Amino acid sequence: MERDSRMDARIELAIGSDHGGFLMKQHLIRTLGEDLDIGIHDQGCFSPDSVDYPDIAVAVGTTLQRNSCTFGVMIDGAGVGSTMVLNRLPGIRAALCHDPFTTINSRAHNNANVLVLGSNVVHSGEAVRLVKLWLKTPFEAGRHLRRVEKINALDRSNL
């Protein structure tokens, strides 16, 4: 039975945001860096100046594809656009979460490897709580494994 063996190693987290999520990203980097023993890899943006979220989402996703990081977090205003971009990248299973239920489910049942947050939907304190909850939730595998394998198979199909 497969499980996410990366949960046993030190977590390396790729984190990125567009300008709308910049302040939340900075807050998460400070708070997670103080509270957790994880490596944080900032993929941008690096100021509140306007940027295109697809560019940053791709940077987060390709960091995971190269196995440079264990997981990713991406933040934009609503989270919808970044989720759409990330889920077009092979091997990425991005989940837009806004509460504890969706956060736990995305890891436990869907083995999500990128958590997407909307900075206009979730406040910074809740974002910290959700990221910590997401990082500590293991993939349950079991009956969920075959479903995740079906998602992964779409990366290899020519639909």
Protein backbone atom coordinates (compact mmCIF):
# COMPACT_ATOMS: atom_id res chain seq x y z
CA MET A 1 0.00 0.00 0.00
CA GLU A 2 1.52 3.28 -1.15
CA ARG A 3 1.72 6.28 1.13
CA ASP A 4 3.45 9.61 0.82
CA SER A 5 6.94 8.68 2.05
CA ARG A 6 7.97 12.31 1.77
CA MET A 7 6.08 12.91 5.02
CA ASP A 8 8.92 11.12 6.86
CA ALA A 9 11.61 13.49 5.57
CA ARG A 10 12.05 17.20 6.31
CA ILE A 11 9.44 19.16 4.42
CA GLU A 12 10.66 21.56 1.77
CA LEU A 13 7.89 24.01 0.87
CA ALA A 14 7.71 26.03 -2.34
CA ILE A 15 5.56 29.10 -1.71
CA GLY A 16 4.42 31.76 -4.12
CA SER A 17 1.85 34.47 -4.62
CA ASP A 18 0.71 37.14 -6.96
CA HIS A 19 0.49 40.74 -5.78
CA GLY A 20 -2.92 40.09 -4.19
CA GLY A 21 -1.47 37.37 -1.99
CA PHE A 22 1.91 39.01 -1.33
CA LEU A 23 1.19 40.15 2.25
CA MET A 24 -0.31 36.78 3.19
CA LYS A 25 2.69 34.97 1.69
CA GLN A 26 5.10 37.13 3.69
CA HIS A 27 3.09 36.44 6.87
CA LEU A 28 3.11 32.69 6.16
CA ILE A 29 6.86 32.67 5.53
CA ARG A 30 7.55 34.46 8.84
CA THR A 31 5.12 32.39 10.88
CA LEU A 32 5.91 28.97 9.39
CA GLY A 33 9.63 29.65 9.60
CA GLU A 34 9.31 30.40 13.31
CA ASP A 35 6.88 27.59 14.18
CA LEU A 36 7.92 24.64 12.00
CA ASP A 37 11.15 22.92 11.04
CA ILE A 38 10.63 23.19 7.30
CA GLY A 39 12.60 24.62 4.43
CA ILE A 40 10.80 27.49 2.74
CA HIS A 41 11.54 28.31 -0.91
CA ASP A 42 10.02 31.64 -1.95
CA GLN A 43 9.08 31.51 -5.64
CA GLY A 44 7.85 35.12 -5.80
CA CYS A 45 6.39 37.60 -6.16
CA PHE A 46 8.77 39.77 -4.19
CA SER A 47 6.76 43.00 -3.85
CA PRO A 48 3.13 44.14 -3.96
CA ASP A 49 3.63 45.32 -7.56
CA SER A 50 1.27 43.76 -10.09
CA VAL A 51 2.35 40.40 -11.57
CA ASP A 52 0.62 37.66 -13.53
CA TYR A 53 -0.37 34.78 -11.22
CA PRO A 54 0.22 32.10 -13.91
CA ASP A 55 3.95 32.89 -13.90
CA ILE A 56 4.26 32.40 -10.14
CA ALA A 57 1.99 29.32 -10.10
CA VAL A 58 4.17 27.71 -12.76
CA ALA A 59 7.28 28.50 -10.69
CA VAL A 60 5.75 26.75 -7.66
CA GLY A 61 4.62 23.76 -9.74
CA THR A 62 7.89 23.26 -11.61
CA THR A 63 9.79 23.37 -8.32
CA LEU A 64 7.76 20.35 -7.23
CA GLN A 65 8.12 18.65 -10.61
CA ARG A 66 11.91 18.87 -10.26
CA ASN A 67 11.62 17.29 -6.78
CA SER A 68 13.26 20.39 -5.29
CA CYS A 69 10.40 20.69 -2.80
CA THR A 70 7.99 18.32 -1.08
CA PHE A 71 4.89 20.51 -1.23
CA GLY A 72 3.74 23.87 -2.49
CA VAL A 73 1.51 26.72 -1.39
CA MET A 74 0.18 29.29 -3.85
CA ILE A 75 -1.82 32.39 -2.98
CA ASP A 76 -3.75 34.74 -5.21
CA GLY A 77 -6.86 36.86 -4.64
CA ALA A 78 -9.46 34.11 -5.04
CA GLY A 79 -7.24 31.06 -5.59
CA VAL A 80 -9.23 29.91 -8.60
CA GLY A 81 -6.86 31.03 -11.35
CA SER A 82 -3.76 29.58 -9.71
CA THR A 83 -5.55 26.28 -9.13
CA MET A 84 -6.44 26.11 -12.82
CA VAL A 85 -2.84 26.79 -13.86
CA LEU A 86 -1.27 24.35 -11.40
CA ASN A 87 -3.59 21.49 -12.34
CA ARG A 88 -2.46 21.74 -15.98
CA LEU A 89 1.09 20.81 -14.91
CA PRO A 90 1.88 17.05 -14.97
CA GLY A 91 2.29 15.58 -11.50
CA ILE A 92 0.65 18.49 -9.74
CA ARG A 93 -2.52 17.99 -7.73
CA ALA A 94 -3.48 21.46 -6.51
CA ALA A 95 -6.41 21.99 -4.16
CA LEU A 96 -8.13 25.29 -3.45
CA CYS A 97 -9.04 25.15 0.22
CA HIS A 98 -10.81 27.59 2.48
CA ASP A 99 -11.71 25.66 5.63
CA PRO A 100 -10.45 22.71 7.72
CA PHE A 101 -12.68 20.16 5.95
CA THR A 102 -11.44 20.92 2.43
CA THR A 103 -7.88 21.21 3.72
CA ILE A 104 -7.83 17.79 5.40
CA ASN A 105 -9.73 16.13 2.55
CA SER A 106 -7.31 17.45 -0.07
CA ARG A 107 -4.38 15.70 1.61
CA ALA A 108 -6.04 12.63 3.15
CA HIS A 109 -8.15 11.63 0.14
CA ASN A 110 -6.60 13.40 -2.87
CA ASN A 111 -2.90 13.47 -1.94
CA ALA A 112 -2.76 17.13 -3.01
CA ASN A 113 0.79 18.41 -3.31
CA VAL A 114 -0.08 22.10 -3.67
CA LEU A 115 -2.41 24.02 -1.37
CA VAL A 116 -3.98 27.08 -2.97
CA LEU A 117 -5.43 29.88 -0.87
CA GLY A 118 -7.43 32.96 -1.80
CA SER A 119 -6.20 35.99 0.12
CA ASN A 120 -9.61 37.65 -0.30
CA VAL A 121 -11.35 34.54 1.02
CA VAL A 122 -9.19 33.41 3.96
CA HIS A 123 -7.63 35.83 6.45
CA SER A 124 -3.93 35.52 7.36
CA GLY A 125 -4.48 33.88 10.76
CA GLU A 126 -6.72 31.21 9.24
CA ALA A 127 -4.23 30.72 6.40
CA VAL A 128 -1.51 29.83 8.93
CA ARG A 129 -3.84 27.36 10.61
CA LEU A 130 -4.84 25.77 7.30
CA VAL A 131 -1.27 25.42 6.03
CA LYS A 132 -0.16 23.77 9.30
CA LEU A 133 -3.17 21.44 9.20
CA TRP A 134 -2.50 20.60 5.54
CA LEU A 135 1.19 19.86 6.14
CA LYS A 136 0.49 17.51 9.04
CA THR A 137 -2.31 15.59 7.30
CA PRO A 138 -1.02 12.36 5.70
CA PHE A 139 -2.42 10.74 2.57
CA GLU A 140 -4.61 7.84 3.72
CA ALA A 141 -4.00 5.76 0.56
CA GLY A 142 -6.24 2.67 0.78
CA ARG A 143 -9.36 3.14 -1.35
CA HIS A 144 -8.21 6.66 -2.22
CA LEU A 145 -5.04 5.43 -3.91
CA ARG A 146 -6.77 4.08 -7.00
CA ARG A 147 -8.56 7.40 -7.45
CA VAL A 148 -5.33 9.37 -7.20
CA GLU A 149 -3.76 6.92 -9.68
CA LYS A 150 -6.62 7.73 -12.08
CA ILE A 151 -5.86 11.44 -11.70
CA ASN A 152 -2.17 10.76 -12.34
CA ALA A 153 -3.04 8.70 -15.43
CA LEU A 154 -4.59 11.82 -16.99
CA ASP A 155 -1.08 13.32 -17.08
CA ARG A 156 -0.11 10.53 -19.47
CA SER A 157 -3.24 10.52 -21.63
CA ASN A 158 -3.77 12.34 -24.90
CA LEU A 159 -7.36 13.47 -24.32
